[in-house]
Amino acid sequence: MTKTQFLKLKKVTPQIWESKRKKWVLLFLPLILSLSFQLFMSNRTVGRGGELSKIESRVEELRRENFSLREQIAKESSITRLEEEGERLGLVKPQSILYTGSTVVTASDPTFLGQNAPND
């Protein structure tokens, strides 16, 4: 190899390395960015999973409380419970019950306020 050939090779080599370096950067930069994004999303998903777990346990707790309250309402509104509460308050059962008729009296009715029906 002559001196001029060596000098030419020396000048060309950095250009080759520079172009190869650019290719590698352009090749691996999207890969690195993609992996970084995946890592970010995975961490975010794990965080959301913890929140979801807390919400699900709270929903289950509220369901149990709702069931318990429904049971309590059923007990408190039973006939025997209402009778006991009425006795405690001093209320008594009526001896007889008076039922009224299903007839509705209106002002246009001739028997309203003691008026007699007209004779035919």
N, C-alpha and C. Protein backbone atom coordinates (compact mmCIF):
# COMPACT_ATOMS: atom_id res chain seq x y z
N MET A 1 0.86 -1.16 0.00
CA MET A 1 0.00 0.00 0.00
C MET A 1 0.90 1.22 0.00
N THR A 2 0.55 2.11 -0.85
CA THR A 2 1.38 3.31 -0.94
C THR A 2 0.87 4.35 0.04
N LYS A 3 1.69 5.37 0.17
CA LYS A 3 1.34 6.42 1.11
C LYS A 3 0.09 7.17 0.67
N THR A 4 -0.09 7.42 -0.58
CA THR A 4 -1.27 8.13 -1.05
C THR A 4 -2.54 7.27 -0.89
N GLN A 5 -2.39 5.98 -1.12
CA GLN A 5 -3.54 5.09 -0.92
C GLN A 5 -3.95 5.06 0.56
N PHE A 6 -2.96 5.03 1.43
CA PHE A 6 -3.22 5.02 2.86
C PHE A 6 -3.95 6.30 3.30
N LEU A 7 -3.46 7.43 2.77
CA LEU A 7 -4.09 8.71 3.13
C LEU A 7 -5.53 8.77 2.61
N LYS A 8 -5.76 8.24 1.42
CA LYS A 8 -7.12 8.20 0.88
C LYS A 8 -8.00 7.29 1.75
N LEU A 9 -7.49 6.15 2.15
CA LEU A 9 -8.24 5.22 3.00
C LEU A 9 -8.53 5.85 4.36
N LYS A 10 -7.57 6.58 4.88
CA LYS A 10 -7.74 7.25 6.16
C LYS A 10 -8.85 8.31 6.08
N LYS A 11 -8.96 9.00 4.96
CA LYS A 11 -10.00 10.01 4.80
C LYS A 11 -11.38 9.35 4.60
N VAL A 12 -11.42 8.24 3.90
CA VAL A 12 -12.69 7.57 3.60
C VAL A 12 -13.23 6.83 4.83
N THR A 13 -12.38 6.26 5.65
CA THR A 13 -12.80 5.44 6.80
C THR A 13 -13.72 6.19 7.76
N PRO A 14 -13.38 7.40 8.18
CA PRO A 14 -14.32 8.09 9.08
C PRO A 14 -15.69 8.32 8.45
N GLN A 15 -15.74 8.55 7.16
CA GLN A 15 -17.02 8.75 6.49
C GLN A 15 -17.85 7.46 6.51
N ILE A 16 -17.17 6.33 6.29
CA ILE A 16 -17.87 5.04 6.32
C ILE A 16 -18.41 4.78 7.72
N TRP A 17 -17.56 5.00 8.72
CA TRP A 17 -18.00 4.79 10.10
C TRP A 17 -19.14 5.73 10.47
N GLU A 18 -19.05 6.94 10.01
CA GLU A 18 -20.09 7.91 10.31
C GLU A 18 -21.42 7.49 9.69
N SER A 19 -21.38 7.01 8.46
CA SER A 19 -22.62 6.59 7.81
C SER A 19 -23.17 5.32 8.46
N LYS A 20 -22.31 4.40 8.88
CA LYS A 20 -22.76 3.18 9.56
C LYS A 20 -23.37 3.53 10.92
N ARG A 21 -22.75 4.49 11.60
CA ARG A 21 -23.25 4.91 12.91
C ARG A 21 -24.66 5.50 12.76
N LYS A 22 -24.87 6.30 11.73
CA LYS A 22 -26.19 6.88 11.49
C LYS A 22 -27.23 5.79 11.22
N LYS A 23 -26.82 4.79 10.45
CA LYS A 23 -27.73 3.68 10.15
C LYS A 23 -28.11 2.94 11.43
N TRP A 24 -27.13 2.69 12.29
CA TRP A 24 -27.41 1.97 13.54
C TRP A 24 -28.32 2.80 14.46
N VAL A 25 -28.04 4.08 14.50
CA VAL A 25 -28.88 4.96 15.33
C VAL A 25 -30.30 4.98 14.79
N LEU A 26 -30.42 5.11 13.48
CA LEU A 26 -31.75 5.12 12.87
C LEU A 26 -32.45 3.78 13.02
N LEU A 27 -31.69 2.72 13.11
CA LEU A 27 -32.27 1.40 13.27
C LEU A 27 -32.72 1.17 14.72
N PHE A 28 -31.89 1.51 15.68
CA PHE A 28 -32.18 1.20 17.08
C PHE A 28 -32.99 2.28 17.81
N LEU A 29 -33.00 3.49 17.33
CA LEU A 29 -33.76 4.55 18.00
C LEU A 29 -35.25 4.22 18.08
N PRO A 30 -35.91 3.80 17.00
CA PRO A 30 -37.32 3.42 17.13
C PRO A 30 -37.52 2.23 18.06
N LEU A 31 -36.60 1.29 18.04
CA LEU A 31 -36.70 0.13 18.92
C LEU A 31 -36.61 0.55 20.39
N ILE A 32 -35.68 1.43 20.70
CA ILE A 32 -35.50 1.91 22.07
C ILE A 32 -36.73 2.72 22.49
N LEU A 33 -37.22 3.58 21.61
CA LEU A 33 -38.42 4.36 21.93
C LEU A 33 -39.64 3.45 22.14
N SER A 34 -39.76 2.44 21.31
CA SER A 34 -40.88 1.51 21.45
C SER A 34 -40.82 0.76 22.77
N LEU A 35 -39.65 0.28 23.13
CA LEU A 35 -39.49 -0.43 24.41
C LEU A 35 -39.75 0.50 25.59
N SER A 36 -39.31 1.74 25.49
CA SER A 36 -39.57 2.71 26.56
C SER A 36 -41.07 2.95 26.72
N PHE A 37 -41.76 3.07 25.60
CA PHE A 37 -43.22 3.27 25.64
C PHE A 37 -43.92 2.06 26.25
N GLN A 38 -43.48 0.87 25.86
CA GLN A 38 -44.07 -0.36 26.42
C GLN A 38 -43.88 -0.42 27.93
N LEU A 39 -42.69 -0.06 28.39
CA LEU A 39 -42.39 -0.06 29.82
C LEU A 39 -43.28 0.96 30.55
N PHE A 40 -43.42 2.13 29.97
CA PHE A 40 -44.28 3.16 30.55
C PHE A 40 -45.73 2.67 30.67
N MET A 41 -46.25 2.08 29.59
CA MET A 41 -47.63 1.61 29.60
C MET A 41 -47.81 0.45 30.58
N SER A 42 -46.83 -0.42 30.69
CA SER A 42 -46.92 -1.53 31.64
C SER A 42 -47.00 -1.01 33.07
N ASN A 43 -46.15 -0.05 33.41
CA ASN A 43 -46.18 0.53 34.75
C ASN A 43 -47.52 1.21 35.01
N ARG A 44 -48.04 1.88 34.02
CA ARG A 44 -49.32 2.56 34.18
C ARG A 44 -50.45 1.55 34.38
N THR A 45 -50.40 0.46 33.63
CA THR A 45 -51.42 -0.58 33.74
C THR A 45 -51.38 -1.23 35.12
N VAL A 46 -50.20 -1.48 35.63
CA VAL A 46 -50.08 -2.07 36.96
C VAL A 46 -50.68 -1.14 38.00
N GLY A 47 -50.44 0.15 37.87
CA GLY A 47 -51.02 1.12 38.79
C GLY A 47 -52.53 1.13 38.72
N ARG A 48 -53.06 1.05 37.53
CA ARG A 48 -54.51 1.03 37.35
C ARG A 48 -55.10 -0.27 37.90
N GLY A 49 -54.36 -1.35 37.79
CA GLY A 49 -54.83 -2.63 38.32
C GLY A 49 -55.03 -2.56 39.83
N GLY A 50 -54.13 -1.86 40.51
CA GLY A 50 -54.27 -1.69 41.96
C GLY A 50 -55.51 -0.88 42.30
N GLU A 51 -55.75 0.17 41.53
CA GLU A 51 -56.95 0.99 41.74
C GLU A 51 -58.21 0.17 41.49
N LEU A 52 -58.20 -0.63 40.44
CA LEU A 52 -59.34 -1.46 40.10
C LEU A 52 -59.62 -2.46 41.21
N SER A 53 -58.58 -3.03 41.76
CA SER A 53 -58.75 -3.99 42.86
C SER A 53 -59.40 -3.33 44.07
N LYS A 54 -58.99 -2.11 44.40
CA LYS A 54 -59.59 -1.38 45.52
C LYS A 54 -61.07 -1.10 45.25
N ILE A 55 -61.37 -0.70 44.03
CA ILE A 55 -62.76 -0.40 43.67
C ILE A 55 -63.62 -1.65 43.75
N GLU A 56 -63.11 -2.77 43.25
CA GLU A 56 -63.87 -4.02 43.30
C GLU A 56 -64.12 -4.46 44.73
N SER A 57 -63.13 -4.31 45.61
CA SER A 57 -63.35 -4.70 47.01
C SER A 57 -64.37 -3.76 47.66
N ARG A 58 -64.38 -2.48 47.31
CA ARG A 58 -65.36 -1.54 47.84
C ARG A 58 -66.76 -1.88 47.35
N VAL A 59 -66.88 -2.28 46.08
CA VAL A 59 -68.17 -2.68 45.53
C VAL A 59 -68.70 -3.90 46.28
N GLU A 60 -67.85 -4.87 46.53
CA GLU A 60 -68.26 -6.07 47.26
C GLU A 60 -68.69 -5.72 48.68
N GLU A 61 -67.97 -4.84 49.32
CA GLU A 61 -68.32 -4.39 50.68
C GLU A 61 -69.70 -3.71 50.68
N LEU A 62 -69.95 -2.86 49.68
CA LEU A 62 -71.25 -2.18 49.60
C LEU A 62 -72.38 -3.16 49.29
N ARG A 63 -72.11 -4.20 48.52
CA ARG A 63 -73.13 -5.22 48.25
C ARG A 63 -73.51 -5.95 49.52
N ARG A 64 -72.50 -6.29 50.33
CA ARG A 64 -72.78 -6.97 51.61
C ARG A 64 -73.59 -6.05 52.53
N GLU A 65 -73.21 -4.78 52.57
CA GLU A 65 -73.94 -3.82 53.40
C GLU A 65 -75.37 -3.65 52.91
N ASN A 66 -75.55 -3.59 51.60
CA ASN A 66 -76.88 -3.47 51.01
C ASN A 66 -77.74 -4.68 51.37
N PHE A 67 -77.17 -5.88 51.29
CA PHE A 67 -77.90 -7.10 51.65
C PHE A 67 -78.31 -7.06 53.11
N SER A 68 -77.39 -6.63 53.97
CA SER A 68 -77.68 -6.54 55.40
C SER A 68 -78.80 -5.54 55.68
N LEU A 69 -78.77 -4.40 54.99
CA LEU A 69 -79.82 -3.40 55.17
C LEU A 69 -81.17 -3.90 54.67
N ARG A 70 -81.18 -4.65 53.60
CA ARG A 70 -82.44 -5.22 53.10
C ARG A 70 -83.02 -6.21 54.11
N GLU A 71 -82.15 -7.01 54.71
CA GLU A 71 -82.61 -7.94 55.75
C GLU A 71 -83.21 -7.17 56.92
N GLN A 72 -82.54 -6.11 57.33
CA GLN A 72 -83.01 -5.30 58.45
C GLN A 72 -84.36 -4.67 58.12
N ILE A 73 -84.53 -4.18 56.90
CA ILE A 73 -85.82 -3.61 56.50
C ILE A 73 -86.91 -4.67 56.55
N ALA A 74 -86.61 -5.87 56.08
CA ALA A 74 -87.60 -6.95 56.09
C ALA A 74 -88.01 -7.29 57.52
N LYS A 75 -87.05 -7.35 58.45
CA LYS A 75 -87.37 -7.64 59.85
C LYS A 75 -88.21 -6.53 60.46
N GLU A 76 -87.80 -5.28 60.23
CA GLU A 76 -88.48 -4.15 60.86
C GLU A 76 -89.88 -3.92 60.30
N SER A 77 -90.14 -4.33 59.08
CA SER A 77 -91.45 -4.08 58.49
C SER A 77 -92.36 -5.30 58.55
N SER A 78 -91.98 -6.33 59.28
CA SER A 78 -92.84 -7.50 59.40
C SER A 78 -94.04 -7.16 60.28
N ILE A 79 -95.14 -7.89 60.10
CA ILE A 79 -96.37 -7.63 60.83
C ILE A 79 -96.15 -7.79 62.33
N THR A 80 -95.46 -8.84 62.74
CA THR A 80 -95.26 -9.05 64.17
C THR A 80 -94.42 -7.93 64.77
N ARG A 81 -93.42 -7.46 64.04
CA ARG A 81 -92.58 -6.37 64.55
C ARG A 81 -93.39 -5.08 64.66
N LEU A 82 -94.25 -4.83 63.68
CA LEU A 82 -95.09 -3.63 63.73
C LEU A 82 -96.09 -3.70 64.89
N GLU A 83 -96.66 -4.90 65.14
CA GLU A 83 -97.56 -5.06 66.29
C GLU A 83 -96.84 -4.80 67.60
N GLU A 84 -95.62 -5.35 67.72
CA GLU A 84 -94.84 -5.14 68.95
C GLU A 84 -94.54 -3.66 69.15
N GLU A 85 -94.17 -2.97 68.09
CA GLU A 85 -93.86 -1.54 68.19
C GLU A 85 -95.11 -0.74 68.53
N GLY A 86 -96.25 -1.12 67.97
CA GLY A 86 -97.51 -0.46 68.29
C GLY A 86 -97.87 -0.62 69.76
N GLU A 87 -97.70 -1.84 70.31
CA GLU A 87 -97.96 -2.08 71.73
C GLU A 87 -97.00 -1.27 72.60
N ARG A 88 -95.76 -1.19 72.20
CA ARG A 88 -94.77 -0.43 72.96
C ARG A 88 -95.15 1.05 73.01
N LEU A 89 -95.73 1.55 71.93
CA LEU A 89 -96.15 2.95 71.88
C LEU A 89 -97.51 3.19 72.54
N GLY A 90 -98.16 2.13 73.01
CA GLY A 90 -99.44 2.27 73.69
C GLY A 90 -100.63 2.18 72.77
N LEU A 91 -100.46 1.76 71.56
CA LEU A 91 -101.57 1.59 70.64
C LEU A 91 -102.25 0.26 70.91
N VAL A 92 -103.57 0.20 70.67
CA VAL A 92 -104.31 -1.05 70.88
C VAL A 92 -105.00 -1.44 69.59
N LYS A 93 -105.27 -2.73 69.47
CA LYS A 93 -105.99 -3.23 68.30
C LYS A 93 -107.45 -2.83 68.43
N PRO A 94 -108.09 -2.45 67.33
CA PRO A 94 -109.51 -2.10 67.41
C PRO A 94 -110.35 -3.35 67.66
N GLN A 95 -111.46 -3.17 68.39
CA GLN A 95 -112.36 -4.30 68.68
C GLN A 95 -113.20 -4.64 67.46
N SER A 96 -113.59 -3.61 66.72
CA SER A 96 -114.39 -3.85 65.52
C SER A 96 -113.93 -2.87 64.43
N ILE A 97 -114.18 -3.27 63.23
CA ILE A 97 -113.77 -2.46 62.10
C ILE A 97 -115.02 -2.06 61.33
N LEU A 98 -115.17 -0.80 61.04
CA LEU A 98 -116.30 -0.30 60.28
C LEU A 98 -115.83 -0.02 58.85
N TYR A 99 -116.42 -0.74 57.93
CA TYR A 99 -116.09 -0.54 56.52
C TYR A 99 -117.11 0.39 55.91
N THR A 100 -116.66 1.33 55.16
CA THR A 100 -117.58 2.23 54.46
C THR A 100 -117.81 1.71 53.07
N GLY A 101 -118.89 2.13 52.47
CA GLY A 101 -119.21 1.68 51.12
C GLY A 101 -118.25 2.28 50.10
N SER A 102 -118.33 1.74 48.92
CA SER A 102 -117.44 2.23 47.88
C SER A 102 -118.09 3.34 47.07
N THR A 103 -119.28 3.81 47.51
CA THR A 103 -119.98 4.86 46.79
C THR A 103 -119.31 6.20 47.06
N VAL A 104 -119.08 6.92 46.01
CA VAL A 104 -118.46 8.23 46.13
C VAL A 104 -119.56 9.27 45.99
N VAL A 105 -119.68 10.15 46.98
CA VAL A 105 -120.71 11.19 46.96
C VAL A 105 -120.08 12.46 46.43
N THR A 106 -120.73 13.06 45.43
CA THR A 106 -120.25 14.31 44.86
C THR A 106 -121.30 15.39 45.05
N ALA A 107 -120.95 16.62 44.80
CA ALA A 107 -121.88 17.74 44.97
C ALA A 107 -123.05 17.66 44.00
N SER A 108 -122.90 17.00 42.89
CA SER A 108 -124.00 16.89 41.93
C SER A 108 -124.99 15.80 42.32
N ASP A 109 -124.68 15.01 43.35
CA ASP A 109 -125.57 13.94 43.81
C ASP A 109 -126.73 14.57 44.57
N PRO A 110 -128.01 14.19 44.24
CA PRO A 110 -129.16 14.80 44.91
C PRO A 110 -129.21 14.52 46.40
N THR A 111 -128.57 13.47 46.88
CA THR A 111 -128.60 13.17 48.31
C THR A 111 -127.52 13.93 49.07
N PHE A 112 -126.75 14.74 48.36
CA PHE A 112 -125.69 15.51 48.98
C PHE A 112 -126.31 16.56 49.88
N LEU A 113 -125.84 16.68 51.10
CA LEU A 113 -126.33 17.62 52.11
C LEU A 113 -127.81 17.41 52.46
N GLY A 114 -128.26 16.18 52.41
CA GLY A 114 -129.61 15.86 52.89
C GLY A 114 -130.71 16.15 51.91
N GLN A 115 -130.43 16.51 50.72
CA GLN A 115 -131.48 16.75 49.73
C GLN A 115 -132.06 15.43 49.29
N ASN A 116 -133.33 15.40 49.00
CA ASN A 116 -133.99 14.16 48.55
C ASN A 116 -133.89 14.07 47.05
N ALA A 117 -133.88 12.84 46.60
CA ALA A 117 -133.87 12.62 45.17
C ALA A 117 -135.20 13.02 44.60
N PRO A 118 -135.27 13.55 43.39
CA PRO A 118 -136.55 13.94 42.80
C PRO A 118 -137.43 12.73 42.54
N ASN A 119 -138.73 12.94 42.68
CA ASN A 119 -139.69 11.83 42.41
C ASN A 119 -139.93 11.71 40.92
N ASP A 120 -140.01 10.49 40.47
CA ASP A 120 -140.28 10.26 39.04
C ASP A 120 -141.74 10.26 38.79
